[in-house]
Every structure is written in structure tokens, then in C-alpha cells.
Amino acid sequence: MQPSPHDDKSWTVASAKAKLSEVIERAQSTPQTITRNGKPSVVVVSAEEWQRKTARRGSLAEFLMESPLRGAELDVERQRDEPRDLSL
């Protein structure tokens, strides 16, 4: 069984099961899509690619400090509405 005829990065569940070693080998260089009922279901990527994509890139504080809005004179004012009545 071969990858789906429309490209060499897509596999049906049946073909991926039959050729799992090949799916894994190809995923080392290019993500491999496994389809179910003709629709993309999962993507197999190398462990290196997964780690790269999920690695934390700095802290929230660093992200906010690098914001293009830092230093902008935004008028952010909290509304002073009365609390709502929760009694039944």
C-alpha cells in the first residue's frame, strides 16, 4: 500500500498501519498526514519537530515587554459599575 495518490505526505489509516515504519521514516523529514474517511485526522511529525513546535519561548512578562503596544499611551480605564444583584 502506498500513500494517498494525491501526494506523498498523506496516508489512509489502513496504509499507515501497513507501512508504519515508512510513515515514521518519512515523518523524520516531512510531516505525514493520516486520513480517516477521506478527511485529515492526525499528523505524524518527528520528535525533534514536536519539541521545536511546543518549546516555550520566554515568559509572559518577556512577551508583554516586547509588545508593539508597550509605551503606547492607551487610555485603559476600569468600569466602575455596581455589582449585579445575585439574590433570587
PDB file of N, CA and C in Angstrom:
ATOM      1  N   MET A   1       0.835  -1.182   0.000  1.00  0.00           N
ATOM      2  CA  MET A   1       0.000   0.000   0.000  1.00  0.00           C
ATOM      3  C   MET A   1       0.875   1.239   0.000  1.00  0.00           C
ATOM      4  N   GLN A   2       0.463   2.218  -0.731  1.00  0.00           N
ATOM      5  CA  GLN A   2       1.231   3.442  -0.875  1.00  0.00           C
ATOM      6  C   GLN A   2       0.476   4.606  -0.251  1.00  0.00           C
ATOM      7  N   PRO A   3       1.182   5.742  -0.090  1.00  0.00           N
ATOM      8  CA  PRO A   3       0.481   6.934   0.360  1.00  0.00           C
ATOM      9  C   PRO A   3      -0.644   7.276  -0.608  1.00  0.00           C
ATOM     10  N   SER A   4      -1.550   8.087  -0.152  1.00  0.00           N
ATOM     11  CA  SER A   4      -2.669   8.528  -0.970  1.00  0.00           C
ATOM     12  C   SER A   4      -2.165   9.035  -2.316  1.00  0.00           C
ATOM     13  N   PRO A   5      -2.887   8.783  -3.403  1.00  0.00           N
ATOM     14  CA  PRO A   5      -2.411   9.177  -4.723  1.00  0.00           C
ATOM     15  C   PRO A   5      -2.237  10.681  -4.907  1.00  0.00           C
ATOM     16  N   HIS A   6      -2.929  11.510  -4.079  1.00  0.00           N
ATOM     17  CA  HIS A   6      -2.832  12.945  -4.319  1.00  0.00           C
ATOM     18  C   HIS A   6      -1.534  13.566  -3.810  1.00  0.00           C
ATOM     19  N   ASP A   7      -0.808  12.932  -2.927  1.00  0.00           N
ATOM     20  CA  ASP A   7       0.525  13.411  -2.544  1.00  0.00           C
ATOM     21  C   ASP A   7       1.272  12.337  -1.777  1.00  0.00           C
ATOM     22  N   ASP A   8       2.559  12.586  -1.547  1.00  0.00           N
ATOM     23  CA  ASP A   8       3.377  11.580  -0.863  1.00  0.00           C
ATOM     24  C   ASP A   8       3.498  11.854   0.633  1.00  0.00           C
ATOM     25  N   LYS A   9       2.623  12.706   1.179  1.00  0.00           N
ATOM     26  CA  LYS A   9       2.643  13.010   2.605  1.00  0.00           C
ATOM     27  C   LYS A   9       1.340  12.620   3.284  1.00  0.00           C
ATOM     28  N   SER A  10       0.452  11.963   2.580  1.00  0.00           N
ATOM     29  CA  SER A  10      -0.857  11.626   3.108  1.00  0.00           C
ATOM     30  C   SER A  10      -1.090  10.123   3.014  1.00  0.00           C
ATOM     31  N   TRP A  11      -1.631   9.564   4.084  1.00  0.00           N
ATOM     32  CA  TRP A  11      -1.867   8.135   4.182  1.00  0.00           C
ATOM     33  C   TRP A  11      -3.275   7.879   4.699  1.00  0.00           C
ATOM     34  N   THR A  12      -3.895   6.816   4.241  1.00  0.00           N
ATOM     35  CA  THR A  12      -5.133   6.362   4.863  1.00  0.00           C
ATOM     36  C   THR A  12      -4.737   5.629   6.136  1.00  0.00           C
ATOM     37  N   VAL A  13      -5.682   5.419   7.027  1.00  0.00           N
ATOM     38  CA  VAL A  13      -5.388   4.673   8.252  1.00  0.00           C
ATOM     39  C   VAL A  13      -4.857   3.282   7.903  1.00  0.00           C
ATOM     40  N   ALA A  14      -5.504   2.629   6.962  1.00  0.00           N
ATOM     41  CA  ALA A  14      -5.090   1.272   6.583  1.00  0.00           C
ATOM     42  C   ALA A  14      -3.664   1.257   6.036  1.00  0.00           C
ATOM     43  N   SER A  15      -3.347   2.205   5.150  1.00  0.00           N
ATOM     44  CA  SER A  15      -1.997   2.205   4.572  1.00  0.00           C
ATOM     45  C   SER A  15      -0.960   2.599   5.621  1.00  0.00           C
ATOM     46  N   ALA A  16      -1.315   3.496   6.545  1.00  0.00           N
ATOM     47  CA  ALA A  16      -0.376   3.879   7.603  1.00  0.00           C
ATOM     48  C   ALA A  16      -0.105   2.696   8.533  1.00  0.00           C
ATOM     49  N   LYS A  17      -1.145   1.910   8.826  1.00  0.00           N
ATOM     50  CA  LYS A  17      -0.959   0.731   9.670  1.00  0.00           C
ATOM     51  C   LYS A  17      -0.057  -0.283   8.981  1.00  0.00           C
ATOM     52  N   ALA A  18      -0.272  -0.474   7.687  1.00  0.00           N
ATOM     53  CA  ALA A  18       0.511  -1.461   6.943  1.00  0.00           C
ATOM     54  C   ALA A  18       1.956  -1.024   6.742  1.00  0.00           C
ATOM     55  N   LYS A  19       2.188   0.281   6.697  1.00  0.00           N
ATOM     56  CA  LYS A  19       3.527   0.804   6.405  1.00  0.00           C
ATOM     57  C   LYS A  19       4.007   1.757   7.503  1.00  0.00           C
ATOM     58  N   LEU A  20       3.732   1.420   8.758  1.00  0.00           N
ATOM     59  CA  LEU A  20       4.064   2.316   9.863  1.00  0.00           C
ATOM     60  C   LEU A  20       5.535   2.709   9.870  1.00  0.00           C
ATOM     61  N   SER A  21       6.425   1.771   9.616  1.00  0.00           N
ATOM     62  CA  SER A  21       7.856   2.091   9.598  1.00  0.00           C
ATOM     63  C   SER A  21       8.167   3.163   8.555  1.00  0.00           C
ATOM     64  N   GLU A  22       7.525   3.052   7.389  1.00  0.00           N
ATOM     65  CA  GLU A  22       7.745   4.041   6.332  1.00  0.00           C
ATOM     66  C   GLU A  22       7.156   5.403   6.719  1.00  0.00           C
ATOM     67  N   VAL A  23       5.991   5.394   7.342  1.00  0.00           N
ATOM     68  CA  VAL A  23       5.388   6.649   7.806  1.00  0.00           C
ATOM     69  C   VAL A  23       6.338   7.348   8.775  1.00  0.00           C
ATOM     70  N   ILE A  24       6.869   6.589   9.729  1.00  0.00           N
ATOM     71  CA  ILE A  24       7.797   7.145  10.716  1.00  0.00           C
ATOM     72  C   ILE A  24       9.052   7.659  10.033  1.00  0.00           C
ATOM     73  N   GLU A  25       9.597   6.887   9.099  1.00  0.00           N
ATOM     74  CA  GLU A  25      10.813   7.304   8.389  1.00  0.00           C
ATOM     75  C   GLU A  25      10.583   8.615   7.637  1.00  0.00           C
ATOM     76  N   ARG A  26       9.472   8.716   6.920  1.00  0.00           N
ATOM     77  CA  ARG A  26       9.177   9.935   6.167  1.00  0.00           C
ATOM     78  C   ARG A  26       8.896  11.117   7.086  1.00  0.00           C
ATOM     79  N   ALA A  27       8.315  10.848   8.255  1.00  0.00           N
ATOM     80  CA  ALA A  27       7.995  11.918   9.198  1.00  0.00           C
ATOM     81  C   ALA A  27       9.254  12.564   9.774  1.00  0.00           C
ATOM     82  N   GLN A  28      10.392  11.891   9.647  1.00  0.00           N
ATOM     83  CA  GLN A  28      11.640  12.481  10.119  1.00  0.00           C
ATOM     84  C   GLN A  28      11.999  13.743   9.327  1.00  0.00           C
ATOM     85  N   SER A  29      11.529  13.825   8.086  1.00  0.00           N
ATOM     86  CA  SER A  29      11.848  14.993   7.265  1.00  0.00           C
ATOM     87  C   SER A  29      10.638  15.839   6.904  1.00  0.00           C
ATOM     88  N   THR A  30       9.454  15.223   6.844  1.00  0.00           N
ATOM     89  CA  THR A  30       8.245  15.941   6.434  1.00  0.00           C
ATOM     90  C   THR A  30       7.048  15.408   7.207  1.00  0.00           C
ATOM     91  N   PRO A  31       6.233  16.286   7.788  1.00  0.00           N
ATOM     92  CA  PRO A  31       5.040  15.796   8.480  1.00  0.00           C
ATOM     93  C   PRO A  31       4.176  14.924   7.572  1.00  0.00           C
ATOM     94  N   GLN A  32       3.628  13.858   8.143  1.00  0.00           N
ATOM     95  CA  GLN A  32       2.799  12.908   7.412  1.00  0.00           C
ATOM     96  C   GLN A  32       1.366  12.971   7.948  1.00  0.00           C
ATOM     97  N   THR A  33       0.408  13.149   7.064  1.00  0.00           N
ATOM     98  CA  THR A  33      -0.994  13.233   7.444  1.00  0.00           C
ATOM     99  C   THR A  33      -1.657  11.870   7.277  1.00  0.00           C
ATOM    100  N   ILE A  34      -2.397  11.472   8.287  1.00  0.00           N
ATOM    101  CA  ILE A  34      -3.174  10.235   8.204  1.00  0.00           C
ATOM    102  C   ILE A  34      -4.640  10.640   8.132  1.00  0.00           C
ATOM    103  N   THR A  35      -5.313  10.129   7.108  1.00  0.00           N
ATOM    104  CA  THR A  35      -6.708  10.488   6.900  1.00  0.00           C
ATOM    105  C   THR A  35      -7.630   9.365   7.364  1.00  0.00           C
ATOM    106  N   ARG A  36      -8.827   9.749   7.769  1.00  0.00           N
ATOM    107  CA  ARG A  36      -9.866   8.791   8.150  1.00  0.00           C
ATOM    108  C   ARG A  36     -11.137   9.230   7.421  1.00  0.00           C
ATOM    109  N   ASN A  37     -11.717   8.314   6.682  1.00  0.00           N
ATOM    110  CA  ASN A  37     -12.909   8.616   5.881  1.00  0.00           C
ATOM    111  C   ASN A  37     -12.672   9.788   4.930  1.00  0.00           C
ATOM    112  N   GLY A  38     -11.453   9.856   4.399  1.00  0.00           N
ATOM    113  CA  GLY A  38     -11.122  10.876   3.414  1.00  0.00           C
ATOM    114  C   GLY A  38     -10.792  12.246   3.983  1.00  0.00           C
ATOM    115  N   LYS A  39     -10.817  12.382   5.310  1.00  0.00           N
ATOM    116  CA  LYS A  39     -10.530  13.680   5.928  1.00  0.00           C
ATOM    117  C   LYS A  39      -9.291  13.585   6.796  1.00  0.00           C
ATOM    118  N   PRO A  40      -8.445  14.627   6.821  1.00  0.00           N
ATOM    119  CA  PRO A  40      -7.264  14.605   7.684  1.00  0.00           C
ATOM    120  C   PRO A  40      -7.664  14.342   9.136  1.00  0.00           C
ATOM    121  N   SER A  41      -6.977  13.405   9.779  1.00  0.00           N
ATOM    122  CA  SER A  41      -7.297  13.038  11.152  1.00  0.00           C
ATOM    123  C   SER A  41      -6.159  13.373  12.108  1.00  0.00           C
ATOM    124  N   VAL A  42      -4.940  12.973  11.747  1.00  0.00           N
ATOM    125  CA  VAL A  42      -3.767  13.245  12.580  1.00  0.00           C
ATOM    126  C   VAL A  42      -2.574  13.548  11.689  1.00  0.00           C
ATOM    127  N   VAL A  43      -1.564  14.171  12.308  1.00  0.00           N
ATOM    128  CA  VAL A  43      -0.307  14.428  11.615  1.00  0.00           C
ATOM    129  C   VAL A  43       0.813  13.814  12.437  1.00  0.00           C
ATOM    130  N   VAL A  44       1.670  13.061  11.781  1.00  0.00           N
ATOM    131  CA  VAL A  44       2.821  12.447  12.430  1.00  0.00           C
ATOM    132  C   VAL A  44       4.038  13.301  12.104  1.00  0.00           C
ATOM    133  N   VAL A  45       4.728  13.760  13.161  1.00  0.00           N
ATOM    134  CA  VAL A  45       5.946  14.554  12.974  1.00  0.00           C
ATOM    135  C   VAL A  45       7.075  13.929  13.779  1.00  0.00           C
ATOM    136  N   SER A  46       8.286  14.291  13.453  1.00  0.00           N
ATOM    137  CA  SER A  46       9.430  13.776  14.196  1.00  0.00           C
ATOM    138  C   SER A  46       9.407  14.342  15.611  1.00  0.00           C
ATOM    139  N   ALA A  47      10.051  13.640  16.540  1.00  0.00           N
ATOM    140  CA  ALA A  47      10.137  14.113  17.921  1.00  0.00           C
ATOM    141  C   ALA A  47      10.839  15.468  17.966  1.00  0.00           C
ATOM    142  N   GLU A  48      11.839  15.645  17.133  1.00  0.00           N
ATOM    143  CA  GLU A  48      12.573  16.917  17.077  1.00  0.00           C
ATOM    144  C   GLU A  48      11.646  18.060  16.663  1.00  0.00           C
ATOM    145  N   GLU A  49      10.823  17.826  15.637  1.00  0.00           N
ATOM    146  CA  GLU A  49       9.876  18.851  15.180  1.00  0.00           C
ATOM    147  C   GLU A  49       8.848  19.149  16.264  1.00  0.00           C
ATOM    148  N   TRP A  50       8.348  18.127  16.936  1.00  0.00           N
ATOM    149  CA  TRP A  50       7.370  18.318  18.005  1.00  0.00           C
ATOM    150  C   TRP A  50       7.962  19.166  19.132  1.00  0.00           C
ATOM    151  N   GLN A  51       9.186  18.857  19.546  1.00  0.00           N
ATOM    152  CA  GLN A  51       9.835  19.627  20.605  1.00  0.00           C
ATOM    153  C   GLN A  51      10.040  21.081  20.184  1.00  0.00           C
ATOM    154  N   ARG A  52      10.418  21.277  18.929  1.00  0.00           N
ATOM    155  CA  ARG A  52      10.630  22.632  18.420  1.00  0.00           C
ATOM    156  C   ARG A  52       9.322  23.426  18.427  1.00  0.00           C
ATOM    157  N   LYS A  53       8.238  22.780  18.008  1.00  0.00           N
ATOM    158  CA  LYS A  53       6.944  23.463  17.925  1.00  0.00           C
ATOM    159  C   LYS A  53       6.332  23.732  19.294  1.00  0.00           C
ATOM    160  N   THR A  54       6.630  22.893  20.285  1.00  0.00           N
ATOM    161  CA  THR A  54       5.990  23.041  21.583  1.00  0.00           C
ATOM    162  C   THR A  54       6.888  23.685  22.633  1.00  0.00           C
ATOM    163  N   ALA A  55       8.100  24.052  22.270  1.00  0.00           N
ATOM    164  CA  ALA A  55       9.026  24.651  23.228  1.00  0.00           C
ATOM    165  C   ALA A  55       8.528  26.025  23.671  1.00  0.00           C
ATOM    166  N   ARG A  56       8.653  26.278  24.940  1.00  0.00           N
ATOM    167  CA  ARG A  56       8.282  27.585  25.481  1.00  0.00           C
ATOM    168  C   ARG A  56       9.310  28.610  25.010  1.00  0.00           C
ATOM    169  N   ARG A  57       8.826  29.730  24.576  1.00  0.00           N
ATOM    170  CA  ARG A  57       9.699  30.788  24.074  1.00  0.00           C
ATOM    171  C   ARG A  57       9.589  32.004  24.983  1.00  0.00           C
ATOM    172  N   GLY A  58      10.274  31.973  26.092  1.00  0.00           N
ATOM    173  CA  GLY A  58      10.255  33.101  27.003  1.00  0.00           C
ATOM    174  C   GLY A  58       9.051  33.086  27.925  1.00  0.00           C
ATOM    175  N   SER A  59       9.005  34.071  28.782  1.00  0.00           N
ATOM    176  CA  SER A  59       7.933  34.170  29.764  1.00  0.00           C
ATOM    177  C   SER A  59       6.854  35.136  29.285  1.00  0.00           C
ATOM    178  N   LEU A  60       5.744  35.138  29.976  1.00  0.00           N
ATOM    179  CA  LEU A  60       4.670  36.078  29.664  1.00  0.00           C
ATOM    180  C   LEU A  60       5.171  37.509  29.840  1.00  0.00           C
ATOM    181  N   ALA A  61       5.956  37.746  30.884  1.00  0.00           N
ATOM    182  CA  ALA A  61       6.497  39.092  31.120  1.00  0.00           C
ATOM    183  C   ALA A  61       7.360  39.542  29.937  1.00  0.00           C
ATOM    184  N   GLU A  62       8.187  38.650  29.414  1.00  0.00           N
ATOM    185  CA  GLU A  62       9.022  38.997  28.257  1.00  0.00           C
ATOM    186  C   GLU A  62       8.163  39.291  27.032  1.00  0.00           C
ATOM    187  N   PHE A  63       7.124  38.495  26.832  1.00  0.00           N
ATOM    188  CA  PHE A  63       6.220  38.716  25.720  1.00  0.00           C
ATOM    189  C   PHE A  63       5.578  40.098  25.811  1.00  0.00           C
ATOM    190  N   LEU A  64       5.090  40.439  26.999  1.00  0.00           N
ATOM    191  CA  LEU A  64       4.441  41.738  27.184  1.00  0.00           C
ATOM    192  C   LEU A  64       5.434  42.891  27.030  1.00  0.00           C
ATOM    193  N   MET A  65       6.644  42.694  27.516  1.00  0.00           N
ATOM    194  CA  MET A  65       7.660  43.744  27.395  1.00  0.00           C
ATOM    195  C   MET A  65       8.042  44.003  25.939  1.00  0.00           C
ATOM    196  N   GLU A  66       7.925  42.982  25.085  1.00  0.00           N
ATOM    197  CA  GLU A  66       8.275  43.120  23.669  1.00  0.00           C
ATOM    198  C   GLU A  66       7.096  43.538  22.809  1.00  0.00           C
ATOM    199  N   SER A  67       5.956  43.767  23.430  1.00  0.00           N
ATOM    200  CA  SER A  67       4.748  44.131  22.692  1.00  0.00           C
ATOM    201  C   SER A  67       4.934  45.446  21.954  1.00  0.00           C
ATOM    202  N   PRO A  68       4.426  45.527  20.724  1.00  0.00           N
ATOM    203  CA  PRO A  68       4.499  46.797  19.995  1.00  0.00           C
ATOM    204  C   PRO A  68       3.652  47.888  20.666  1.00  0.00           C
ATOM    205  N   LEU A  69       2.759  47.494  21.573  1.00  0.00           N
ATOM    206  CA  LEU A  69       1.941  48.477  22.282  1.00  0.00           C
ATOM    207  C   LEU A  69       2.624  49.023  23.525  1.00  0.00           C
ATOM    208  N   ARG A  70       3.776  48.464  23.886  1.00  0.00           N
ATOM    209  CA  ARG A  70       4.494  48.945  25.061  1.00  0.00           C
ATOM    210  C   ARG A  70       4.872  50.405  24.847  1.00  0.00           C
ATOM    211  N   GLY A  71       4.551  51.205  25.789  1.00  0.00           N
ATOM    212  CA  GLY A  71       4.873  52.618  25.690  1.00  0.00           C
ATOM    213  C   GLY A  71       3.776  53.434  25.018  1.00  0.00           C
ATOM    214  N   ALA A  72       2.823  52.763  24.411  1.00  0.00           N
ATOM    215  CA  ALA A  72       1.718  53.488  23.787  1.00  0.00           C
ATOM    216  C   ALA A  72       0.852  54.064  24.903  1.00  0.00           C
ATOM    217  N   GLU A  73       0.398  55.225  24.708  1.00  0.00           N
ATOM    218  CA  GLU A  73      -0.428  55.886  25.716  1.00  0.00           C
ATOM    219  C   GLU A  73      -1.883  55.447  25.562  1.00  0.00           C
ATOM    220  N   LEU A  74      -2.160  54.222  25.943  1.00  0.00           N
ATOM    221  CA  LEU A  74      -3.517  53.716  25.864  1.00  0.00           C
ATOM    222  C   LEU A  74      -4.326  54.212  27.050  1.00  0.00           C
ATOM    223  N   ASP A  75      -5.552  54.592  26.795  1.00  0.00           N
ATOM    224  CA  ASP A  75      -6.446  55.032  27.854  1.00  0.00           C
ATOM    225  C   ASP A  75      -7.280  53.833  28.283  1.00  0.00           C
ATOM    226  N   VAL A  76      -6.777  53.111  29.256  1.00  0.00           N
ATOM    227  CA  VAL A  76      -7.461  51.927  29.748  1.00  0.00           C
ATOM    228  C   VAL A  76      -8.017  52.269  31.121  1.00  0.00           C
ATOM    229  N   GLU A  77      -9.320  52.330  31.189  1.00  0.00           N
ATOM    230  CA  GLU A  77      -9.961  52.705  32.437  1.00  0.00           C
ATOM    231  C   GLU A  77     -10.956  51.630  32.827  1.00  0.00           C
ATOM    232  N   ARG A  78     -10.909  51.233  34.056  1.00  0.00           N
ATOM    233  CA  ARG A  78     -11.804  50.198  34.551  1.00  0.00           C
ATOM    234  C   ARG A  78     -13.195  50.785  34.762  1.00  0.00           C
ATOM    235  N   GLN A  79     -14.203  50.043  34.344  1.00  0.00           N
ATOM    236  CA  GLN A  79     -15.568  50.488  34.565  1.00  0.00           C
ATOM    237  C   GLN A  79     -15.902  50.357  36.044  1.00  0.00           C
ATOM    238  N   ARG A  80     -16.647  51.302  36.544  1.00  0.00           N
ATOM    239  CA  ARG A  80     -16.995  51.316  37.966  1.00  0.00           C
ATOM    240  C   ARG A  80     -18.474  50.991  38.169  1.00  0.00           C
ATOM    241  N   ASP A  81     -18.975  50.026  37.436  1.00  0.00           N
ATOM    242  CA  ASP A  81     -20.369  49.617  37.570  1.00  0.00           C
ATOM    243  C   ASP A  81     -20.609  49.026  38.954  1.00  0.00           C
ATOM    244  N   GLU A  82     -21.845  49.116  39.376  1.00  0.00           N
ATOM    245  CA  GLU A  82     -22.248  48.500  40.633  1.00  0.00           C
ATOM    246  C   GLU A  82     -22.308  46.986  40.432  1.00  0.00           C
ATOM    247  N   PRO A  83     -22.041  46.207  41.482  1.00  0.00           N
ATOM    248  CA  PRO A  83     -22.174  44.755  41.334  1.00  0.00           C
ATOM    249  C   PRO A  83     -23.613  44.369  41.045  1.00  0.00           C
ATOM    250  N   ARG A  84     -23.797  43.316  40.305  1.00  0.00           N
ATOM    251  CA  ARG A  84     -25.157  42.904  39.988  1.00  0.00           C
ATOM    252  C   ARG A  84     -25.776  42.174  41.174  1.00  0.00           C
ATOM    253  N   ASP A  85     -27.083  42.215  41.240  1.00  0.00           N
ATOM    254  CA  ASP A  85     -27.824  41.591  42.317  1.00  0.00           C
ATOM    255  C   ASP A  85     -27.979  40.100  42.020  1.00  0.00           C
ATOM    256  N   LEU A  86     -27.445  39.249  42.890  1.00  0.00           N
ATOM    257  CA  LEU A  86     -27.490  37.802  42.688  1.00  0.00           C
ATOM    258  C   LEU A  86     -28.607  37.141  43.484  1.00  0.00           C
ATOM    259  N   SER A  87     -29.356  37.920  44.240  1.00  0.00           N
ATOM    260  CA  SER A  87     -30.445  37.318  45.026  1.00  0.00           C
ATOM    261  C   SER A  87     -31.585  36.897  44.101  1.00  0.00           C
ATOM    262  N   LEU A  88     -32.263  35.832  44.481  1.00  0.00           N
ATOM    263  CA  LEU A  88     -33.347  35.321  43.664  1.00  0.00           C
ATOM    264  C   LEU A  88     -34.575  36.013  44.012  1.00  0.00           C
TER     265      LEU A  88
END
